[in-house]
Amino acid sequence: MHNKKLVHSITPFTLLDYPNHPACILWFAGCNMKCSYCYNPEIVFGKGKYSLSEINFFLKSRKHLLDGVVLSGGECLLYPDVIPLMRELKAMGYLIKIDTNGSMPIRLKQLIEVGLVDYVALDFKAPLQKTQWITRADFYHSFLACLNLLQETRIPFEVRTTVHSNLLDDKDLKQQIQVLERHGYSGNYYIQSFRNGVKTLTELPHSVNRDYSGLSTKAIQLVMR
């Protein structure tokens, strides 16, 4: 397990990706979605460069500088070996945040049940009718399973959507808000504006980014990022 190279790259320090905690990010190579707006093609199609032994060595050296570790990608939950890695991170005293595309509810449930997850960022890619077109995959109902699981377990989590104006519009976001409300979600719903000028999996026109917070409802507040 320790010689397997699953991590493509490391962001050694961030104050933005784990709420209220200094952290690092481990970017896991590979993904089971191919979102057209994804700006990490080198991670989605790339291979791991760091072995889990190297990751452990790095994190042991950062124990007094960081509170948490963000597991991102790609999709970090694709790999069974993420479980023993997370056990070692917890043994070092780190908080663990998972960034997930919502495709792996069974593994997410397993990790939560054994106490390895402290925070989850769950991507809500698109409404049902656009999910396959945008992601090139069919994990909409897996996303709902992840949402329901997080609601039941009460692990701190957030729901977020990246918006490119050629892919999602007001009508789509309103549908997504309605889905969240039907499943009992309330609170902040984070909208991430597409970053123009970056390489993406599919060549896209310029996105007209704007403030969608006016779509907020009594239960759900759209927060722009």
Protein backbone atom coordinates (compact mmCIF):
# COMPACT_ATOMS: atom_id res chain seq x y z
CA MET A 1 0.00 0.00 0.00
CA HIS A 2 2.71 2.52 0.97
CA ASN A 3 4.48 2.31 -2.38
CA LYS A 4 1.38 2.99 -4.45
CA LYS A 5 1.42 6.40 -6.09
CA LEU A 6 -2.13 7.74 -5.92
CA VAL A 7 -1.50 11.44 -5.27
CA HIS A 8 -0.75 13.61 -8.30
CA SER A 9 0.26 16.77 -6.46
CA ILE A 10 0.27 18.52 -3.09
CA THR A 11 -0.75 22.04 -2.12
CA PRO A 12 1.35 22.43 1.05
CA PHE A 13 -0.68 25.23 2.65
CA THR A 14 -4.16 26.72 2.28
CA LEU A 15 -6.40 28.90 4.43
CA LEU A 16 -9.27 28.70 1.94
CA ASP A 17 -10.11 25.03 1.45
CA TYR A 18 -10.85 23.85 5.00
CA PRO A 19 -13.15 26.27 6.85
CA ASN A 20 -11.40 27.84 9.85
CA HIS A 21 -8.35 25.58 9.65
CA PRO A 22 -4.89 25.84 8.05
CA ALA A 23 -4.52 22.75 5.87
CA CYS A 24 -2.80 21.14 2.93
CA ILE A 25 -4.45 19.52 -0.10
CA LEU A 26 -3.69 16.08 -1.51
CA TRP A 27 -4.81 15.94 -5.15
CA PHE A 28 -5.61 12.32 -6.02
CA ALA A 29 -5.08 11.33 -9.66
CA GLY A 30 -7.99 10.04 -11.72
CA CYS A 31 -11.72 10.66 -11.76
CA ASN A 32 -14.86 8.75 -12.73
CA MET A 33 -16.41 11.93 -14.14
CA LYS A 34 -15.19 14.02 -17.05
CA CYS A 35 -16.87 17.34 -16.33
CA SER A 36 -16.58 19.67 -19.30
CA TYR A 37 -15.71 22.67 -17.07
CA CYS A 38 -13.06 20.82 -15.03
CA TYR A 39 -9.83 22.82 -14.82
CA ASN A 40 -7.72 19.90 -13.55
CA PRO A 41 -7.26 17.81 -16.74
CA GLU A 42 -3.69 16.98 -15.73
CA ILE A 43 -5.06 15.42 -12.53
CA VAL A 44 -8.09 13.69 -14.08
CA PHE A 45 -6.00 12.06 -16.82
CA GLY A 46 -2.68 11.99 -14.99
CA LYS A 47 -0.97 9.45 -12.79
CA GLY A 48 0.10 9.62 -9.18
CA LYS A 49 3.53 11.08 -8.46
CA TYR A 50 3.70 10.65 -4.69
CA SER A 51 3.61 7.37 -2.82
CA LEU A 52 1.67 7.08 0.41
CA SER A 53 5.00 6.70 2.24
CA GLU A 54 6.13 10.04 0.84
CA ILE A 55 2.81 11.59 1.84
CA ASN A 56 3.21 10.29 5.40
CA PHE A 57 6.74 11.70 5.61
CA PHE A 58 5.55 15.11 4.40
CA LEU A 59 2.61 15.23 6.82
CA LYS A 60 4.70 14.18 9.81
CA SER A 61 6.91 17.19 9.10
CA ARG A 62 3.86 19.52 9.04
CA LYS A 63 2.13 18.36 12.22
CA HIS A 64 2.69 21.59 14.14
CA LEU A 65 1.86 23.86 11.18
CA LEU A 66 -1.42 22.41 9.93
CA ASP A 67 -4.73 21.44 11.51
CA GLY A 68 -6.20 19.53 8.61
CA VAL A 69 -5.70 17.62 5.39
CA VAL A 70 -8.02 18.02 2.40
CA LEU A 71 -8.39 14.95 0.20
CA SER A 72 -9.35 16.16 -3.26
CA GLY A 73 -8.79 15.31 -6.90
CA GLY A 74 -9.89 13.89 -9.23
CA GLU A 75 -11.96 11.77 -6.88
CA CYS A 76 -10.16 10.62 -3.74
CA LEU A 77 -12.82 8.05 -2.79
CA LEU A 78 -12.11 5.91 -5.86
CA TYR A 79 -9.27 4.20 -4.02
CA PRO A 80 -9.67 1.63 -1.22
CA ASP A 81 -6.14 2.58 -0.10
CA VAL A 82 -7.48 5.96 1.00
CA ILE A 83 -8.83 4.22 4.12
CA PRO A 84 -5.51 3.16 5.70
CA LEU A 85 -4.03 6.52 4.68
CA MET A 86 -6.83 8.32 6.53
CA ARG A 87 -6.27 6.13 9.59
CA GLU A 88 -2.63 7.25 9.64
CA LEU A 89 -3.64 10.90 9.24
CA LYS A 90 -6.02 10.62 12.19
CA ALA A 91 -3.28 8.94 14.24
CA MET A 92 -1.11 12.02 13.56
CA GLY A 93 -3.93 14.19 14.90
CA TYR A 94 -5.14 15.74 11.66
CA LEU A 95 -8.69 16.76 10.85
CA ILE A 96 -9.77 15.33 7.48
CA LYS A 97 -11.90 17.05 4.86
CA ILE A 98 -13.09 15.20 1.77
CA ASP A 99 -13.91 16.88 -1.53
CA THR A 100 -16.15 14.45 -3.40
CA ASN A 101 -18.18 14.41 -6.60
CA GLY A 102 -20.86 12.34 -4.84
CA SER A 103 -20.32 9.15 -6.81
CA MET A 104 -19.19 6.87 -3.95
CA PRO A 105 -21.87 6.79 -1.21
CA ILE A 106 -20.93 3.32 0.07
CA ARG A 107 -17.30 4.26 0.68
CA LEU A 108 -18.30 7.61 2.17
CA LYS A 109 -20.63 5.80 4.59
CA GLN A 110 -17.86 3.39 5.57
CA LEU A 111 -15.45 6.24 6.32
CA ILE A 112 -18.00 8.16 8.36
CA GLU A 113 -18.98 5.10 10.38
CA VAL A 114 -15.38 4.50 11.49
CA GLY A 115 -14.85 8.16 12.38
CA LEU A 116 -12.36 9.12 9.68
CA VAL A 117 -14.21 12.14 8.24
CA ASP A 118 -14.53 15.56 9.87
CA TYR A 119 -15.92 17.65 7.00
CA VAL A 120 -17.25 17.00 3.50
CA ALA A 121 -17.60 19.24 0.46
CA LEU A 122 -20.20 17.60 -1.79
CA ASP A 123 -20.45 18.63 -5.44
CA PHE A 124 -23.94 19.01 -6.90
CA LYS A 125 -22.94 18.95 -10.53
CA ALA A 126 -26.24 19.66 -12.29
CA PRO A 127 -29.96 18.90 -12.33
CA LEU A 128 -30.93 15.40 -13.42
CA GLN A 129 -31.54 16.25 -17.07
CA LYS A 130 -28.08 17.82 -17.49
CA THR A 131 -25.94 15.58 -15.29
CA GLN A 132 -24.82 13.13 -17.96
CA TRP A 133 -24.26 15.87 -20.53
CA ILE A 134 -22.00 17.88 -18.21
CA THR A 135 -20.19 15.07 -16.35
CA ARG A 136 -20.11 12.30 -19.01
CA ALA A 137 -21.28 9.99 -16.24
CA ASP A 138 -24.49 8.92 -14.54
CA PHE A 139 -24.06 9.41 -10.80
CA TYR A 140 -27.03 11.67 -10.06
CA HIS A 141 -28.71 9.17 -7.74
CA SER A 142 -25.38 8.45 -6.04
CA PHE A 143 -25.16 12.16 -5.26
CA LEU A 144 -28.62 11.99 -3.66
CA ALA A 145 -27.50 9.00 -1.60
CA CYS A 146 -24.47 10.97 -0.37
CA LEU A 147 -26.66 13.97 0.45
CA ASN A 148 -29.10 11.85 2.44
CA LEU A 149 -26.25 10.09 4.24
CA LEU A 150 -24.69 13.38 5.30
CA GLN A 151 -28.05 14.68 6.46
CA GLU A 152 -28.54 11.59 8.62
CA THR A 153 -25.05 11.44 10.12
CA ARG A 154 -24.79 15.17 10.82
CA ILE A 155 -21.14 15.34 9.79
CA PRO A 156 -20.39 19.01 9.00
CA PHE A 157 -20.68 19.42 5.24
CA GLU A 158 -21.36 21.84 2.44
CA VAL A 159 -23.00 21.53 -0.96
CA ARG A 160 -21.44 23.38 -3.87
CA THR A 161 -21.95 23.85 -7.60
CA THR A 162 -19.59 25.27 -10.21
CA VAL A 163 -21.50 27.42 -12.70
CA HIS A 164 -20.50 28.08 -16.31
CA SER A 165 -23.13 30.26 -17.97
CA ASN A 166 -23.20 28.06 -21.10
CA LEU A 167 -23.91 24.94 -19.02
CA LEU A 168 -26.20 26.02 -16.18
CA ASP A 169 -28.75 28.83 -16.00
CA ASP A 170 -31.20 30.24 -13.45
CA LYS A 171 -33.78 27.55 -14.22
CA ASP A 172 -31.24 24.81 -13.55
CA LEU A 173 -30.13 26.33 -10.26
CA LYS A 174 -33.74 26.75 -9.15
CA GLN A 175 -34.29 23.04 -9.84
CA GLN A 176 -31.21 22.16 -7.82
CA ILE A 177 -32.42 24.31 -4.92
CA GLN A 178 -35.77 22.52 -5.04
CA VAL A 179 -34.02 19.15 -4.93
CA LEU A 180 -32.02 20.20 -1.88
CA GLU A 181 -35.16 21.44 -0.14
CA ARG A 182 -37.03 18.21 -0.91
CA HIS A 183 -34.21 16.27 0.72
CA GLY A 184 -34.33 18.39 3.84
CA TYR A 185 -31.21 20.46 3.26
CA SER A 186 -31.08 23.99 4.64
CA GLY A 187 -28.33 26.55 5.06
CA ASN A 188 -25.64 27.75 2.69
CA TYR A 189 -25.41 26.49 -0.88
CA TYR A 190 -22.09 27.55 -2.37
CA ILE A 191 -21.96 28.69 -5.99
CA GLN A 192 -18.50 28.71 -7.52
CA SER A 193 -18.12 30.91 -10.59
CA PHE A 194 -16.24 29.31 -13.46
CA ARG A 195 -12.67 30.59 -13.78
CA ASN A 196 -12.19 31.96 -17.28
CA GLY A 197 -8.80 31.72 -18.92
CA VAL A 198 -7.87 28.24 -17.66
CA LYS A 199 -7.49 24.97 -19.54
CA THR A 200 -10.52 22.71 -19.17
CA LEU A 201 -11.44 19.17 -20.22
CA THR A 202 -13.71 20.56 -22.94
CA GLU A 203 -13.05 23.84 -24.72
CA LEU A 204 -15.71 26.26 -23.53
CA PRO A 205 -16.64 29.84 -24.46
CA HIS A 206 -16.18 32.68 -22.00
CA SER A 207 -18.52 32.33 -19.03
CA VAL A 208 -20.59 35.35 -18.03
CA ASN A 209 -20.17 35.13 -14.27
CA ARG A 210 -22.67 36.89 -12.03
CA ASP A 211 -24.14 36.90 -8.56
CA TYR A 212 -26.82 34.22 -8.13
CA SER A 213 -27.53 34.95 -4.46
CA GLY A 214 -30.89 36.47 -5.48
CA LEU A 215 -32.15 32.92 -6.07
CA SER A 216 -31.94 32.21 -2.33
CA THR A 217 -35.02 30.85 -0.59
CA LYS A 218 -36.17 30.93 3.01
CA ALA A 219 -34.35 27.66 3.70
CA ILE A 220 -31.33 27.90 1.39
CA GLN A 221 -28.95 30.82 0.97
CA LEU A 222 -26.83 30.91 -2.17
CA VAL A 223 -23.33 32.09 -1.32
CA MET A 224 -21.00 33.16 -4.10
CA ARG A 225 -17.37 32.05 -4.17
